[in-house]
Amino acid sequence: MKYSDWAPIYEKILEDFGFDREKDDEAARVALEIITRKGRVRKNVKQEIEKLIKGKRVLICGNAPCLERDIGGKKKEFDAFPFSREYVVIAADGATSVLLRNAIIPDLVVTDLDGDVADIIHANKLGSIIVVHAHGDNIEMLKKVLPALNENVICTTQSEPLRDVHNFGGFTDGDRCVFLAKEFGAKEIELIGFDFEDKHVSERKKKKLKWAKRLIGNIL
């Protein structure tokens, strides 16, 4: 997605949530500085992601409580072999922990570092590419976690992209997974572990879920 197409949506999100754009911009700069200083910038990570996704079936795993049940359903559907072989598996943040518990290593993890960071680092060591999203509320986590990741990492922002800090579109971890899959040419996108009507979350989270549902609906 071109930033010029995303920018009007981003402006509405800023207004709706009262986010500070300057903090988002700062977070992007911090992420760029860290990955550059630590030698984490690899020019071919985007190409690797495209090679993984282009023309493939993509399974995006959200972190709703139903994910465990949905994984069980997939196991029954593909009982002859691990179902993950049929898909490129993308985990939205905390879904990483559920997948690892089920012996599934996600191909990519899209995260703003709200999930179990130890599991995200572990997945990275096992081969997952980590797509770390920088925003105004996670600057300190960026400083702690980015240095602990290996070179299979790429950074994103919801604000204007920088060199090596990208904006593929999307707001929450879940819908950013979808935007990323679309950006890199997925043949088919399937969602599991999503519950846009979850009543057991905070009002702020409910508002985020509404945005996620709207954004995903606009591109699928």
N, C-alpha and C. Protein backbone atom coordinates (compact mmCIF):
# COMPACT_ATOMS: atom_id res chain seq x y z
N MET A 1 0.84 -1.19 0.00
CA MET A 1 0.00 0.00 0.00
C MET A 1 0.88 1.24 0.00
N LYS A 2 0.55 2.19 -0.87
CA LYS A 2 1.27 3.45 -0.89
C LYS A 2 0.92 4.26 0.37
N TYR A 3 1.91 4.96 0.90
CA TYR A 3 1.64 5.75 2.10
C TYR A 3 0.59 6.82 1.83
N SER A 4 0.57 7.34 0.62
CA SER A 4 -0.43 8.36 0.28
C SER A 4 -1.85 7.81 0.39
N ASP A 5 -2.01 6.50 0.19
CA ASP A 5 -3.34 5.87 0.35
C ASP A 5 -3.63 5.58 1.82
N TRP A 6 -2.59 5.27 2.59
CA TRP A 6 -2.77 4.95 4.00
C TRP A 6 -2.95 6.20 4.86
N ALA A 7 -2.29 7.30 4.49
CA ALA A 7 -2.24 8.50 5.34
C ALA A 7 -3.61 9.00 5.78
N PRO A 8 -4.63 9.07 4.90
CA PRO A 8 -5.94 9.55 5.37
C PRO A 8 -6.57 8.65 6.43
N ILE A 9 -6.32 7.34 6.31
CA ILE A 9 -6.83 6.39 7.31
C ILE A 9 -6.10 6.62 8.63
N TYR A 10 -4.80 6.78 8.54
CA TYR A 10 -3.97 7.02 9.73
C TYR A 10 -4.42 8.28 10.46
N GLU A 11 -4.74 9.33 9.71
CA GLU A 11 -5.20 10.57 10.33
C GLU A 11 -6.49 10.35 11.12
N LYS A 12 -7.38 9.53 10.60
CA LYS A 12 -8.63 9.23 11.30
C LYS A 12 -8.37 8.42 12.57
N ILE A 13 -7.40 7.51 12.50
CA ILE A 13 -7.04 6.72 13.68
C ILE A 13 -6.44 7.62 14.75
N LEU A 14 -5.55 8.53 14.35
CA LEU A 14 -4.97 9.48 15.30
C LEU A 14 -6.05 10.27 16.00
N GLU A 15 -7.02 10.73 15.24
CA GLU A 15 -8.11 11.53 15.81
C GLU A 15 -8.99 10.71 16.72
N ASP A 16 -9.29 9.48 16.31
CA ASP A 16 -10.20 8.62 17.07
C ASP A 16 -9.60 8.22 18.42
N PHE A 17 -8.29 7.95 18.45
CA PHE A 17 -7.65 7.46 19.67
C PHE A 17 -6.86 8.52 20.42
N GLY A 18 -6.67 9.67 19.79
CA GLY A 18 -5.88 10.71 20.44
C GLY A 18 -4.40 10.40 20.51
N PHE A 19 -3.93 9.61 19.54
CA PHE A 19 -2.50 9.27 19.52
C PHE A 19 -1.67 10.49 19.14
N ASP A 20 -0.41 10.43 19.54
CA ASP A 20 0.54 11.51 19.26
C ASP A 20 1.39 11.10 18.06
N ARG A 21 1.18 11.75 16.94
CA ARG A 21 1.93 11.40 15.74
C ARG A 21 3.44 11.59 15.94
N GLU A 22 3.81 12.60 16.67
CA GLU A 22 5.24 12.84 16.90
C GLU A 22 5.89 11.67 17.63
N LYS A 23 5.15 11.05 18.54
CA LYS A 23 5.69 9.88 19.25
C LYS A 23 5.82 8.68 18.30
N ASP A 24 4.86 8.53 17.39
CA ASP A 24 4.97 7.47 16.39
C ASP A 24 6.22 7.69 15.53
N ASP A 25 6.44 8.93 15.13
CA ASP A 25 7.61 9.25 14.32
C ASP A 25 8.90 8.98 15.11
N GLU A 26 8.88 9.34 16.39
CA GLU A 26 10.05 9.08 17.24
C GLU A 26 10.33 7.59 17.34
N ALA A 27 9.27 6.81 17.51
CA ALA A 27 9.44 5.35 17.62
C ALA A 27 10.06 4.78 16.36
N ALA A 28 9.64 5.27 15.20
CA ALA A 28 10.22 4.80 13.94
C ALA A 28 11.71 5.12 13.87
N ARG A 29 12.07 6.32 14.32
CA ARG A 29 13.48 6.71 14.30
C ARG A 29 14.30 5.85 15.27
N VAL A 30 13.73 5.57 16.44
CA VAL A 30 14.42 4.72 17.42
C VAL A 30 14.63 3.33 16.84
N ALA A 31 13.60 2.76 16.23
CA ALA A 31 13.71 1.43 15.63
C ALA A 31 14.80 1.41 14.57
N LEU A 32 14.82 2.42 13.71
CA LEU A 32 15.83 2.48 12.65
C LEU A 32 17.23 2.56 13.24
N GLU A 33 17.39 3.39 14.26
CA GLU A 33 18.71 3.54 14.89
C GLU A 33 19.19 2.23 15.48
N ILE A 34 18.30 1.50 16.14
CA ILE A 34 18.70 0.26 16.80
C ILE A 34 19.07 -0.81 15.79
N ILE A 35 18.22 -1.02 14.78
CA ILE A 35 18.52 -2.10 13.83
C ILE A 35 19.74 -1.76 12.98
N THR A 36 19.99 -0.48 12.77
CA THR A 36 21.17 -0.08 12.02
C THR A 36 22.43 -0.27 12.87
N ARG A 37 22.35 0.17 14.13
CA ARG A 37 23.50 0.08 15.03
C ARG A 37 23.88 -1.37 15.32
N LYS A 38 22.86 -2.22 15.45
CA LYS A 38 23.11 -3.62 15.78
C LYS A 38 23.35 -4.48 14.54
N GLY A 39 23.36 -3.87 13.37
CA GLY A 39 23.61 -4.63 12.15
C GLY A 39 22.47 -5.55 11.79
N ARG A 40 21.23 -5.17 12.19
CA ARG A 40 20.08 -6.02 11.90
C ARG A 40 19.43 -5.73 10.55
N VAL A 41 19.92 -4.71 9.85
CA VAL A 41 19.32 -4.36 8.57
C VAL A 41 19.86 -5.29 7.49
N ARG A 42 19.00 -6.08 6.93
CA ARG A 42 19.36 -6.95 5.81
C ARG A 42 18.51 -6.55 4.62
N LYS A 43 19.14 -6.20 3.54
CA LYS A 43 18.42 -5.68 2.39
C LYS A 43 17.52 -6.73 1.74
N ASN A 44 17.77 -8.00 2.02
CA ASN A 44 17.00 -9.04 1.36
C ASN A 44 15.86 -9.58 2.20
N VAL A 45 15.58 -9.00 3.37
CA VAL A 45 14.47 -9.52 4.18
C VAL A 45 13.14 -9.34 3.45
N LYS A 46 12.95 -8.18 2.83
CA LYS A 46 11.71 -7.97 2.07
C LYS A 46 11.58 -8.99 0.94
N GLN A 47 12.69 -9.27 0.28
CA GLN A 47 12.66 -10.26 -0.79
C GLN A 47 12.33 -11.65 -0.25
N GLU A 48 12.85 -11.95 0.94
CA GLU A 48 12.55 -13.25 1.55
C GLU A 48 11.07 -13.35 1.90
N ILE A 49 10.50 -12.26 2.41
CA ILE A 49 9.08 -12.27 2.73
C ILE A 49 8.26 -12.44 1.46
N GLU A 50 8.64 -11.74 0.41
CA GLU A 50 7.91 -11.88 -0.85
C GLU A 50 8.01 -13.31 -1.38
N LYS A 51 9.20 -13.89 -1.30
CA LYS A 51 9.38 -15.27 -1.75
C LYS A 51 8.52 -16.24 -0.95
N LEU A 52 8.38 -15.98 0.35
CA LEU A 52 7.55 -16.81 1.21
C LEU A 52 6.08 -16.73 0.84
N ILE A 53 5.61 -15.50 0.55
CA ILE A 53 4.18 -15.24 0.47
C ILE A 53 3.62 -15.24 -0.94
N LYS A 54 4.36 -14.73 -1.90
CA LYS A 54 3.80 -14.50 -3.24
C LYS A 54 3.26 -15.79 -3.86
N GLY A 55 1.97 -15.73 -4.22
CA GLY A 55 1.33 -16.86 -4.86
C GLY A 55 0.98 -18.01 -3.94
N LYS A 56 1.12 -17.81 -2.63
CA LYS A 56 0.90 -18.89 -1.65
C LYS A 56 -0.41 -18.69 -0.88
N ARG A 57 -0.85 -19.77 -0.26
CA ARG A 57 -1.96 -19.69 0.69
C ARG A 57 -1.40 -19.23 2.03
N VAL A 58 -2.01 -18.24 2.60
CA VAL A 58 -1.53 -17.67 3.86
C VAL A 58 -2.57 -17.87 4.95
N LEU A 59 -2.13 -18.39 6.08
CA LEU A 59 -2.99 -18.55 7.24
C LEU A 59 -2.57 -17.54 8.29
N ILE A 60 -3.46 -16.61 8.59
CA ILE A 60 -3.16 -15.57 9.58
C ILE A 60 -3.84 -15.94 10.90
N CYS A 61 -3.04 -16.01 11.94
CA CYS A 61 -3.52 -16.46 13.25
C CYS A 61 -3.62 -15.28 14.19
N GLY A 62 -4.85 -14.90 14.54
CA GLY A 62 -5.07 -13.87 15.53
C GLY A 62 -4.94 -14.44 16.93
N ASN A 63 -5.01 -13.56 17.91
CA ASN A 63 -4.77 -14.01 19.29
C ASN A 63 -6.04 -14.03 20.13
N ALA A 64 -7.19 -14.19 19.48
CA ALA A 64 -8.44 -14.32 20.24
C ALA A 64 -8.45 -15.66 20.97
N PRO A 65 -9.24 -15.79 22.04
CA PRO A 65 -9.29 -17.06 22.78
C PRO A 65 -9.68 -18.26 21.94
N CYS A 66 -10.34 -18.02 20.81
CA CYS A 66 -10.77 -19.13 19.95
C CYS A 66 -9.63 -19.74 19.14
N LEU A 67 -8.43 -19.18 19.21
CA LEU A 67 -7.34 -19.67 18.37
C LEU A 67 -7.03 -21.14 18.64
N GLU A 68 -6.96 -21.52 19.91
CA GLU A 68 -6.64 -22.92 20.24
C GLU A 68 -7.66 -23.86 19.59
N ARG A 69 -8.93 -23.51 19.68
CA ARG A 69 -9.99 -24.33 19.07
C ARG A 69 -9.84 -24.36 17.55
N ASP A 70 -9.55 -23.21 16.96
CA ASP A 70 -9.40 -23.14 15.50
C ASP A 70 -8.22 -23.96 15.02
N ILE A 71 -7.13 -23.98 15.79
CA ILE A 71 -5.99 -24.81 15.44
C ILE A 71 -6.39 -26.28 15.48
N GLY A 72 -7.17 -26.66 16.50
CA GLY A 72 -7.66 -28.04 16.58
C GLY A 72 -8.49 -28.41 15.36
N GLY A 73 -9.30 -27.48 14.89
CA GLY A 73 -10.10 -27.73 13.69
C GLY A 73 -9.24 -27.94 12.47
N LYS A 74 -8.17 -27.16 12.36
CA LYS A 74 -7.26 -27.31 11.24
C LYS A 74 -6.52 -28.64 11.31
N LYS A 75 -6.17 -29.07 12.50
CA LYS A 75 -5.49 -30.36 12.65
C LYS A 75 -6.39 -31.51 12.17
N LYS A 76 -7.68 -31.41 12.45
CA LYS A 76 -8.61 -32.44 11.99
C LYS A 76 -8.78 -32.38 10.47
N GLU A 77 -8.76 -31.17 9.93
CA GLU A 77 -8.93 -31.00 8.49
C GLU A 77 -7.76 -31.61 7.72
N PHE A 78 -6.55 -31.47 8.27
CA PHE A 78 -5.36 -32.00 7.62
C PHE A 78 -4.72 -33.03 8.55
N ASP A 79 -5.41 -34.15 8.75
CA ASP A 79 -4.94 -35.09 9.77
C ASP A 79 -3.79 -35.96 9.30
N ALA A 80 -3.46 -35.93 8.01
CA ALA A 80 -2.39 -36.79 7.51
C ALA A 80 -1.00 -36.20 7.74
N PHE A 81 -0.95 -34.90 7.95
CA PHE A 81 0.35 -34.24 8.14
C PHE A 81 0.10 -32.90 8.81
N PRO A 82 1.15 -32.26 9.33
CA PRO A 82 0.96 -30.95 9.97
C PRO A 82 0.32 -29.94 9.01
N PHE A 83 -0.81 -29.39 9.42
CA PHE A 83 -1.55 -28.51 8.51
C PHE A 83 -0.73 -27.29 8.10
N SER A 84 0.23 -26.90 8.94
CA SER A 84 0.99 -25.70 8.64
C SER A 84 1.79 -25.83 7.35
N ARG A 85 2.02 -27.06 6.89
CA ARG A 85 2.74 -27.24 5.63
C ARG A 85 1.92 -26.75 4.44
N GLU A 86 0.62 -26.64 4.63
CA GLU A 86 -0.26 -26.19 3.55
C GLU A 86 -0.28 -24.68 3.40
N TYR A 87 0.27 -23.98 4.35
CA TYR A 87 0.16 -22.53 4.40
C TYR A 87 1.50 -21.86 4.73
N VAL A 88 1.56 -20.58 4.40
CA VAL A 88 2.51 -19.70 5.05
C VAL A 88 1.79 -19.20 6.30
N VAL A 89 2.35 -19.45 7.46
CA VAL A 89 1.67 -19.13 8.72
C VAL A 89 2.21 -17.81 9.27
N ILE A 90 1.29 -16.87 9.47
CA ILE A 90 1.65 -15.57 10.05
C ILE A 90 0.94 -15.43 11.39
N ALA A 91 1.70 -15.16 12.42
CA ALA A 91 1.15 -15.00 13.77
C ALA A 91 1.03 -13.53 14.11
N ALA A 92 -0.11 -13.16 14.65
CA ALA A 92 -0.30 -11.82 15.18
C ALA A 92 0.12 -11.81 16.65
N ASP A 93 1.29 -11.29 16.92
CA ASP A 93 1.79 -11.06 18.27
C ASP A 93 1.61 -12.25 19.21
N GLY A 94 0.68 -12.16 20.16
CA GLY A 94 0.51 -13.19 21.17
C GLY A 94 0.10 -14.54 20.64
N ALA A 95 -0.38 -14.61 19.41
CA ALA A 95 -0.71 -15.90 18.80
C ALA A 95 0.53 -16.78 18.68
N THR A 96 1.70 -16.16 18.70
CA THR A 96 2.95 -16.90 18.63
C THR A 96 3.03 -17.95 19.73
N SER A 97 2.65 -17.58 20.93
CA SER A 97 2.74 -18.50 22.07
C SER A 97 1.83 -19.71 21.86
N VAL A 98 0.63 -19.47 21.37
CA VAL A 98 -0.33 -20.57 21.14
C VAL A 98 0.19 -21.49 20.06
N LEU A 99 0.73 -20.93 19.00
CA LEU A 99 1.28 -21.75 17.91
C LEU A 99 2.44 -22.61 18.41
N LEU A 100 3.35 -22.00 19.15
CA LEU A 100 4.49 -22.77 19.65
C LEU A 100 4.04 -23.91 20.56
N ARG A 101 3.01 -23.67 21.37
CA ARG A 101 2.47 -24.73 22.24
C ARG A 101 1.94 -25.89 21.41
N ASN A 102 1.52 -25.59 20.19
CA ASN A 102 0.98 -26.61 19.30
C ASN A 102 2.01 -27.10 18.27
N ALA A 103 3.29 -26.87 18.58
CA ALA A 103 4.40 -27.34 17.75
C ALA A 103 4.37 -26.76 16.35
N ILE A 104 3.92 -25.51 16.23
CA ILE A 104 3.89 -24.82 14.94
C ILE A 104 4.79 -23.60 15.05
N ILE A 105 5.78 -23.53 14.19
CA ILE A 105 6.67 -22.37 14.15
C ILE A 105 6.15 -21.43 13.06
N PRO A 106 5.67 -20.25 13.41
CA PRO A 106 5.16 -19.35 12.38
C PRO A 106 6.27 -18.90 11.44
N ASP A 107 5.92 -18.73 10.18
CA ASP A 107 6.89 -18.22 9.22
C ASP A 107 7.21 -16.75 9.50
N LEU A 108 6.18 -16.01 9.90
CA LEU A 108 6.34 -14.61 10.26
C LEU A 108 5.55 -14.32 11.52
N VAL A 109 6.06 -13.39 12.31
CA VAL A 109 5.35 -12.87 13.47
C VAL A 109 5.24 -11.36 13.30
N VAL A 110 4.02 -10.86 13.36
CA VAL A 110 3.78 -9.42 13.27
C VAL A 110 3.43 -8.93 14.67
N THR A 111 4.25 -8.05 15.22
CA THR A 111 4.10 -7.73 16.63
C THR A 111 4.46 -6.30 16.97
N ASP A 112 3.71 -5.73 17.91
CA ASP A 112 4.13 -4.45 18.50
C ASP A 112 4.67 -4.69 19.90
N LEU A 113 5.03 -5.96 20.16
CA LEU A 113 5.72 -6.38 21.39
C LEU A 113 4.83 -6.34 22.63
N ASP A 114 3.54 -6.53 22.43
CA ASP A 114 2.62 -6.65 23.56
C ASP A 114 2.50 -8.09 24.05
N GLY A 115 2.86 -9.04 23.20
CA GLY A 115 2.71 -10.45 23.55
C GLY A 115 3.85 -10.94 24.43
N ASP A 116 3.95 -12.26 24.52
CA ASP A 116 5.02 -12.88 25.31
C ASP A 116 6.33 -12.71 24.55
N VAL A 117 7.14 -11.77 24.98
CA VAL A 117 8.36 -11.43 24.25
C VAL A 117 9.33 -12.61 24.22
N ALA A 118 9.37 -13.37 25.30
CA ALA A 118 10.27 -14.53 25.33
C ALA A 118 9.91 -15.52 24.22
N ASP A 119 8.63 -15.73 24.00
CA ASP A 119 8.20 -16.64 22.93
C ASP A 119 8.50 -16.06 21.55
N ILE A 120 8.35 -14.76 21.41
CA ILE A 120 8.66 -14.12 20.13
C ILE A 120 10.15 -14.25 19.82
N ILE A 121 11.00 -14.04 20.82
CA ILE A 121 12.45 -14.20 20.63
C ILE A 121 12.77 -15.66 20.31
N HIS A 122 12.10 -16.58 20.99
CA HIS A 122 12.32 -18.01 20.74
C HIS A 122 11.93 -18.37 19.31
N ALA A 123 10.78 -17.87 18.86
CA ALA A 123 10.34 -18.14 17.49
C ALA A 123 11.36 -17.60 16.49
N ASN A 124 11.90 -16.43 16.78
CA ASN A 124 12.93 -15.83 15.94
C ASN A 124 14.16 -16.75 15.84
N LYS A 125 14.57 -17.32 16.96
CA LYS A 125 15.71 -18.23 16.97
C LYS A 125 15.41 -19.51 16.19
N LEU A 126 14.12 -19.89 16.14
CA LEU A 126 13.72 -21.09 15.42
C LEU A 126 13.52 -20.83 13.93
N GLY A 127 13.63 -19.55 13.52
CA GLY A 127 13.55 -19.25 12.10
C GLY A 127 12.47 -18.28 11.67
N SER A 128 11.60 -17.86 12.58
CA SER A 128 10.54 -16.92 12.21
C SER A 128 11.13 -15.55 11.89
N ILE A 129 10.61 -14.94 10.85
CA ILE A 129 10.92 -13.54 10.57
C ILE A 129 9.99 -12.69 11.44
N ILE A 130 10.56 -11.76 12.18
CA ILE A 130 9.78 -10.93 13.09
C ILE A 130 9.58 -9.55 12.46
N VAL A 131 8.33 -9.18 12.33
CA VAL A 131 7.96 -7.86 11.79
C VAL A 131 7.57 -7.00 12.98
N VAL A 132 8.51 -6.17 13.41
CA VAL A 132 8.33 -5.38 14.64
C VAL A 132 7.74 -4.02 14.30
N HIS A 133 6.59 -3.74 14.90
CA HIS A 133 5.90 -2.48 14.65
C HIS A 133 6.27 -1.46 15.72
N ALA A 134 6.74 -0.30 15.28
CA ALA A 134 7.14 0.77 16.20
C ALA A 134 6.03 1.81 16.27
N HIS A 135 5.58 2.10 17.49
CA HIS A 135 4.60 3.18 17.68
C HIS A 135 4.90 3.90 18.98
N GLY A 136 4.19 4.97 19.22
CA GLY A 136 4.52 5.86 20.33
C GLY A 136 4.47 5.24 21.70
N ASP A 137 3.77 4.11 21.86
CA ASP A 137 3.62 3.50 23.18
C ASP A 137 4.60 2.38 23.46
N ASN A 138 5.45 2.03 22.49
CA ASN A 138 6.34 0.90 22.76
C ASN A 138 7.82 1.21 22.56
N ILE A 139 8.19 2.45 22.69
CA ILE A 139 9.58 2.84 22.46
C ILE A 139 10.53 2.11 23.40
N GLU A 140 10.17 2.02 24.68
CA GLU A 140 11.06 1.34 25.63
C GLU A 140 11.19 -0.15 25.30
N MET A 141 10.09 -0.77 24.84
CA MET A 141 10.16 -2.18 24.46
C MET A 141 11.02 -2.38 23.22
N LEU A 142 10.97 -1.43 22.31
CA LEU A 142 11.83 -1.51 21.13
C LEU A 142 13.30 -1.56 21.56
N LYS A 143 13.64 -0.72 22.52
CA LYS A 143 15.02 -0.65 23.00
C LYS A 143 15.45 -1.95 23.67
N LYS A 144 14.51 -2.64 24.31
CA LYS A 144 14.84 -3.88 25.01
C LYS A 144 14.87 -5.08 24.08
N VAL A 145 13.91 -5.14 23.15
CA VAL A 145 13.71 -6.37 22.38
C VAL A 145 14.48 -6.40 21.06
N LEU A 146 14.51 -5.29 20.34
CA LEU A 146 15.18 -5.32 19.03
C LEU A 146 16.62 -5.83 19.10
N PRO A 147 17.39 -5.41 20.11
CA PRO A 147 18.77 -5.93 20.18
C PRO A 147 18.85 -7.43 20.43
N ALA A 148 17.77 -8.01 20.95
CA ALA A 148 17.77 -9.44 21.27
C ALA A 148 17.38 -10.31 20.08
N LEU A 149 16.90 -9.70 19.01
CA LEU A 149 16.48 -10.46 17.84
C LEU A 149 17.65 -10.65 16.88
N ASN A 150 17.58 -11.74 16.10
CA ASN A 150 18.62 -11.95 15.10
C ASN A 150 18.30 -11.16 13.83
N GLU A 151 19.02 -11.44 12.76
CA GLU A 151 18.88 -10.62 11.56
C GLU A 151 17.58 -10.85 10.80
N ASN A 152 16.80 -11.86 11.20
CA ASN A 152 15.51 -12.10 10.55
C ASN A 152 14.45 -11.17 11.14
N VAL A 153 14.61 -9.89 10.91
CA VAL A 153 13.72 -8.89 11.48
C VAL A 153 13.55 -7.76 10.49
N ILE A 154 12.36 -7.19 10.51
CA ILE A 154 12.06 -6.01 9.70
C ILE A 154 11.15 -5.12 10.55
N CYS A 155 11.27 -3.82 10.40
CA CYS A 155 10.49 -2.90 11.24
C CYS A 155 9.46 -2.15 10.41
N THR A 156 8.34 -1.83 11.06
CA THR A 156 7.26 -1.09 10.42
C THR A 156 6.82 0.07 11.30
N THR A 157 6.11 0.99 10.68
CA THR A 157 5.52 2.14 11.37
C THR A 157 4.12 2.37 10.83
N GLN A 158 3.27 3.02 11.62
CA GLN A 158 1.96 3.40 11.10
C GLN A 158 1.98 4.83 10.58
N SER A 159 3.12 5.50 10.78
CA SER A 159 3.32 6.85 10.30
C SER A 159 4.11 6.80 8.99
N GLU A 160 4.69 7.92 8.60
CA GLU A 160 5.41 7.97 7.34
C GLU A 160 6.65 7.09 7.40
N PRO A 161 6.84 6.20 6.43
CA PRO A 161 7.97 5.26 6.49
C PRO A 161 9.30 5.95 6.35
N LEU A 162 10.31 5.30 6.91
CA LEU A 162 11.69 5.76 6.79
C LEU A 162 12.48 4.70 6.02
N ARG A 163 13.73 5.00 5.75
CA ARG A 163 14.60 3.98 5.18
C ARG A 163 14.67 2.79 6.14
N ASP A 164 14.28 1.63 5.66
CA ASP A 164 14.31 0.38 6.42
C ASP A 164 13.30 0.32 7.56
N VAL A 165 12.39 1.27 7.64
CA VAL A 165 11.22 1.16 8.53
C VAL A 165 10.01 1.38 7.63
N HIS A 166 9.26 0.31 7.40
CA HIS A 166 8.29 0.28 6.33
C HIS A 166 6.87 0.52 6.82
N ASN A 167 5.99 0.82 5.90
CA ASN A 167 4.56 0.95 6.21
C ASN A 167 3.79 0.21 5.12
N PHE A 168 3.32 -0.99 5.47
CA PHE A 168 2.54 -1.80 4.54
C PHE A 168 1.04 -1.57 4.72
N GLY A 169 0.70 -0.71 5.69
CA GLY A 169 -0.70 -0.48 6.02
C GLY A 169 -1.12 -1.31 7.22
N GLY A 170 -2.23 -0.90 7.83
CA GLY A 170 -2.76 -1.64 8.97
C GLY A 170 -2.54 -0.93 10.29
N PHE A 171 -3.36 -1.29 11.26
CA PHE A 171 -3.37 -0.60 12.56
C PHE A 171 -3.07 -1.56 13.71
N THR A 172 -3.86 -2.61 13.85
CA THR A 172 -3.62 -3.58 14.92
C THR A 172 -2.75 -4.71 14.37
N ASP A 173 -2.20 -5.54 15.27
CA ASP A 173 -1.36 -6.64 14.82
C ASP A 173 -2.09 -7.52 13.81
N GLY A 174 -3.35 -7.82 14.10
CA GLY A 174 -4.10 -8.72 13.23
C GLY A 174 -4.30 -8.17 11.83
N ASP A 175 -4.76 -6.93 11.72
CA ASP A 175 -4.99 -6.43 10.36
C ASP A 175 -3.67 -6.07 9.67
N ARG A 176 -2.62 -5.75 10.43
CA ARG A 176 -1.33 -5.56 9.78
C ARG A 176 -0.84 -6.84 9.11
N CYS A 177 -1.15 -7.99 9.71
CA CYS A 177 -0.82 -9.27 9.06
C CYS A 177 -1.48 -9.36 7.69
N VAL A 178 -2.74 -8.95 7.63
CA VAL A 178 -3.49 -9.05 6.37
C VAL A 178 -2.91 -8.09 5.34
N PHE A 179 -2.63 -6.86 5.76
CA PHE A 179 -2.05 -5.89 4.84
C PHE A 179 -0.71 -6.39 4.31
N LEU A 180 0.10 -6.99 5.19
CA LEU A 180 1.39 -7.50 4.77
C LEU A 180 1.22 -8.62 3.75
N ALA A 181 0.30 -9.54 4.02
CA ALA A 181 0.07 -10.65 3.09
C ALA A 181 -0.39 -10.14 1.72
N LYS A 182 -1.25 -9.13 1.74
CA LYS A 182 -1.71 -8.54 0.47
C LYS A 182 -0.55 -7.83 -0.24
N GLU A 183 0.24 -7.11 0.52
CA GLU A 183 1.36 -6.36 -0.04
C GLU A 183 2.32 -7.28 -0.80
N PHE A 184 2.52 -8.49 -0.26
CA PHE A 184 3.51 -9.38 -0.86
C PHE A 184 2.89 -10.47 -1.73
N GLY A 185 1.65 -10.26 -2.15
CA GLY A 185 1.08 -11.07 -3.21
C GLY A 185 0.54 -12.44 -2.83
N ALA A 186 -0.05 -12.56 -1.64
CA ALA A 186 -0.64 -13.84 -1.26
C ALA A 186 -1.73 -14.26 -2.25
N LYS A 187 -1.76 -15.53 -2.56
CA LYS A 187 -2.78 -16.07 -3.46
C LYS A 187 -4.13 -16.15 -2.75
N GLU A 188 -4.08 -16.51 -1.49
CA GLU A 188 -5.30 -16.72 -0.69
C GLU A 188 -4.97 -16.40 0.76
N ILE A 189 -5.90 -15.75 1.44
CA ILE A 189 -5.70 -15.40 2.84
C ILE A 189 -6.84 -15.97 3.68
N GLU A 190 -6.49 -16.72 4.70
CA GLU A 190 -7.48 -17.30 5.61
C GLU A 190 -7.17 -16.84 7.03
N LEU A 191 -8.20 -16.52 7.78
CA LEU A 191 -8.03 -16.05 9.15
C LEU A 191 -8.53 -17.09 10.14
N ILE A 192 -7.75 -17.34 11.17
CA ILE A 192 -8.24 -18.10 12.32
C ILE A 192 -7.84 -17.33 13.57
N GLY A 193 -8.54 -17.60 14.68
CA GLY A 193 -8.19 -16.93 15.93
C GLY A 193 -8.57 -15.46 15.96
N PHE A 194 -9.61 -15.10 15.21
CA PHE A 194 -10.09 -13.71 15.22
C PHE A 194 -11.50 -13.68 15.81
N ASP A 195 -11.75 -12.72 16.68
CA ASP A 195 -13.08 -12.50 17.24
C ASP A 195 -13.29 -10.99 17.36
N PHE A 196 -13.88 -10.42 16.31
CA PHE A 196 -14.07 -8.97 16.28
C PHE A 196 -15.16 -8.50 17.24
N GLU A 197 -15.95 -9.43 17.74
CA GLU A 197 -17.06 -9.07 18.64
C GLU A 197 -16.79 -9.50 20.08
N ASP A 198 -15.55 -9.72 20.42
CA ASP A 198 -15.18 -10.17 21.77
C ASP A 198 -15.69 -9.16 22.81
N LYS A 199 -16.56 -9.65 23.69
CA LYS A 199 -17.15 -8.78 24.71
C LYS A 199 -16.35 -8.78 26.01
N HIS A 200 -15.30 -9.58 26.07
CA HIS A 200 -14.53 -9.71 27.30
C HIS A 200 -13.23 -8.91 27.26
N VAL A 201 -13.27 -7.81 26.54
CA VAL A 201 -12.09 -6.95 26.45
C VAL A 201 -12.48 -5.53 26.85
N SER A 202 -11.49 -4.70 27.03
CA SER A 202 -11.74 -3.31 27.43
C SER A 202 -12.43 -2.54 26.31
N GLU A 203 -13.00 -1.39 26.67
CA GLU A 203 -13.66 -0.56 25.66
C GLU A 203 -12.66 -0.10 24.60
N ARG A 204 -11.46 0.19 25.02
CA ARG A 204 -10.42 0.60 24.07
C ARG A 204 -10.11 -0.52 23.10
N LYS A 205 -10.02 -1.74 23.61
CA LYS A 205 -9.75 -2.90 22.75
C LYS A 205 -10.93 -3.13 21.80
N LYS A 206 -12.15 -2.95 22.28
CA LYS A 206 -13.31 -3.10 21.40
C LYS A 206 -13.24 -2.12 20.24
N LYS A 207 -12.81 -0.91 20.53
CA LYS A 207 -12.68 0.09 19.47
C LYS A 207 -11.61 -0.33 18.47
N LYS A 208 -10.51 -0.90 18.97
CA LYS A 208 -9.46 -1.38 18.08
C LYS A 208 -9.96 -2.54 17.21
N LEU A 209 -10.76 -3.41 17.80
CA LEU A 209 -11.31 -4.53 17.03
C LEU A 209 -12.24 -4.05 15.93
N LYS A 210 -12.99 -2.99 16.21
CA LYS A 210 -13.86 -2.42 15.17
C LYS A 210 -13.03 -1.88 14.01
N TRP A 211 -11.94 -1.22 14.35
CA TRP A 211 -11.05 -0.73 13.30
C TRP A 211 -10.45 -1.89 12.51
N ALA A 212 -10.02 -2.93 13.22
CA ALA A 212 -9.42 -4.08 12.55
C ALA A 212 -10.42 -4.73 11.59
N LYS A 213 -11.65 -4.90 12.06
CA LYS A 213 -12.69 -5.51 11.21
C LYS A 213 -12.93 -4.66 9.97
N ARG A 214 -12.99 -3.36 10.16
CA ARG A 214 -13.24 -2.46 9.04
C ARG A 214 -12.09 -2.50 8.04
N LEU A 215 -10.86 -2.44 8.54
CA LEU A 215 -9.71 -2.41 7.66
C LEU A 215 -9.56 -3.72 6.89
N ILE A 216 -9.75 -4.84 7.59
CA ILE A 216 -9.66 -6.14 6.91
C ILE A 216 -10.77 -6.28 5.87
N GLY A 217 -11.97 -5.83 6.23
CA GLY A 217 -13.08 -5.90 5.28
C GLY A 217 -12.84 -5.08 4.03
N ASN A 218 -12.06 -4.04 4.16
CA ASN A 218 -11.79 -3.16 3.01
C ASN A 218 -10.80 -3.76 2.02
N ILE A 219 -9.99 -4.71 2.47
CA ILE A 219 -8.96 -5.23 1.56
C ILE A 219 -9.11 -6.70 1.21
N LEU A 220 -10.00 -7.42 1.91
CA LEU A 220 -10.23 -8.83 1.56
C LEU A 220 -11.48 -8.98 0.71
